[in-house]
Amino acid sequence: MTIDINLKNTNQLLLTRSEAAKMLGVKPETLAHWACVGRYNLPYVKIGRLVKYRTSDIQNFINNNSIGDNNE
C-alpha cells in the first residue's frame, strides 16, 4: 500500500513533540507541561498515545504571542 502525501501544503504537516519543541526553542517536557496545565493555547493532535503539532498551529502560536510590531 502506497500513501501519496502532498508536501506542497506544509502548513498541515504534523510534527512530533520533540520537533515542535525544537521549532519553539523549548524542551519537549515544557510542551507536555503546557498541555497538562493549559498554560498556553497551543493546539495538538492525539493519535493514540502520540501527540503531534500542526506546523500552522505552531506558526499561529508564535504570531499570537509576539510582543511589539516589527513593521513600524
Protein backbone atom coordinates (compact mmCIF):
# COMPACT_ATOMS: atom_id res chain seq x y z
CA MET A 1 0.00 0.00 0.00
CA THR A 2 1.37 3.39 -1.02
CA ILE A 3 0.22 6.64 0.54
CA ASP A 4 0.63 9.77 -1.56
CA ILE A 5 1.37 12.78 0.64
CA ASN A 6 1.06 16.25 -0.85
CA LEU A 7 4.04 18.07 0.64
CA LYS A 8 3.04 21.35 -1.03
CA ASN A 9 0.71 22.09 1.90
CA THR A 10 3.36 22.13 4.62
CA ASN A 11 1.03 24.06 6.97
CA GLN A 12 -0.67 20.79 7.79
CA LEU A 13 2.44 18.71 8.42
CA LEU A 14 2.35 17.02 11.80
CA LEU A 15 5.44 17.33 13.97
CA THR A 16 6.39 15.25 16.98
CA ARG A 17 6.57 16.95 20.36
CA SER A 18 10.37 16.97 20.07
CA GLU A 19 10.27 18.59 16.63
CA ALA A 20 7.74 21.19 17.77
CA ALA A 21 9.82 21.94 20.87
CA LYS A 22 12.92 22.44 18.74
CA MET A 23 10.99 24.83 16.48
CA LEU A 24 9.91 26.86 19.53
CA GLY A 25 13.26 26.66 21.32
CA VAL A 26 11.90 24.84 24.38
CA LYS A 27 12.20 21.32 25.79
CA PRO A 28 9.62 18.66 24.90
CA GLU A 29 8.81 18.44 28.61
CA THR A 30 7.82 22.11 28.54
CA LEU A 31 5.25 21.45 25.82
CA ALA A 32 3.92 18.49 27.81
CA HIS A 33 3.59 20.73 30.89
CA TRP A 34 1.82 23.47 28.91
CA ALA A 35 -0.67 20.91 27.58
CA CYS A 36 -1.24 19.41 31.04
CA VAL A 37 -1.90 22.67 32.88
CA GLY A 38 -3.42 24.58 29.94
CA ARG A 39 -0.89 27.38 30.27
CA TYR A 40 -0.90 28.36 26.60
CA ASN A 41 -3.37 27.77 23.81
CA LEU A 42 -1.19 25.61 21.60
CA PRO A 43 -3.43 23.02 19.89
CA TYR A 44 -2.18 19.49 19.43
CA VAL A 45 -3.48 16.30 17.84
CA LYS A 46 -3.69 12.99 19.68
CA ILE A 47 -3.10 9.89 17.58
CA GLY A 48 -3.37 7.04 20.02
CA ARG A 49 -0.68 7.77 22.60
CA LEU A 50 1.18 10.07 20.24
CA VAL A 51 0.98 13.86 20.45
CA LYS A 52 1.51 15.79 17.23
CA TYR A 53 1.54 19.50 16.42
CA ARG A 54 0.48 21.09 13.12
CA THR A 55 3.08 23.46 11.73
CA SER A 56 0.29 26.00 11.08
CA ASP A 57 -0.73 25.89 14.77
CA ILE A 58 2.86 26.48 15.85
CA GLN A 59 3.18 29.45 13.49
CA ASN A 60 -0.13 30.89 14.78
CA PHE A 61 1.10 30.41 18.34
CA ILE A 62 4.28 32.35 17.54
CA ASN A 63 2.32 35.13 15.82
CA ASN A 64 -0.22 35.39 18.64
CA ASN A 65 2.45 35.59 21.32
CA SER A 66 4.69 38.11 19.59
CA ILE A 67 5.19 41.33 21.55
CA GLY A 68 5.53 44.56 19.59
CA ASP A 69 5.30 45.20 15.88
CA ASN A 70 8.43 44.86 13.78
CA ASN A 71 6.77 46.63 10.85
CA GLU A 72 6.82 50.10 12.42
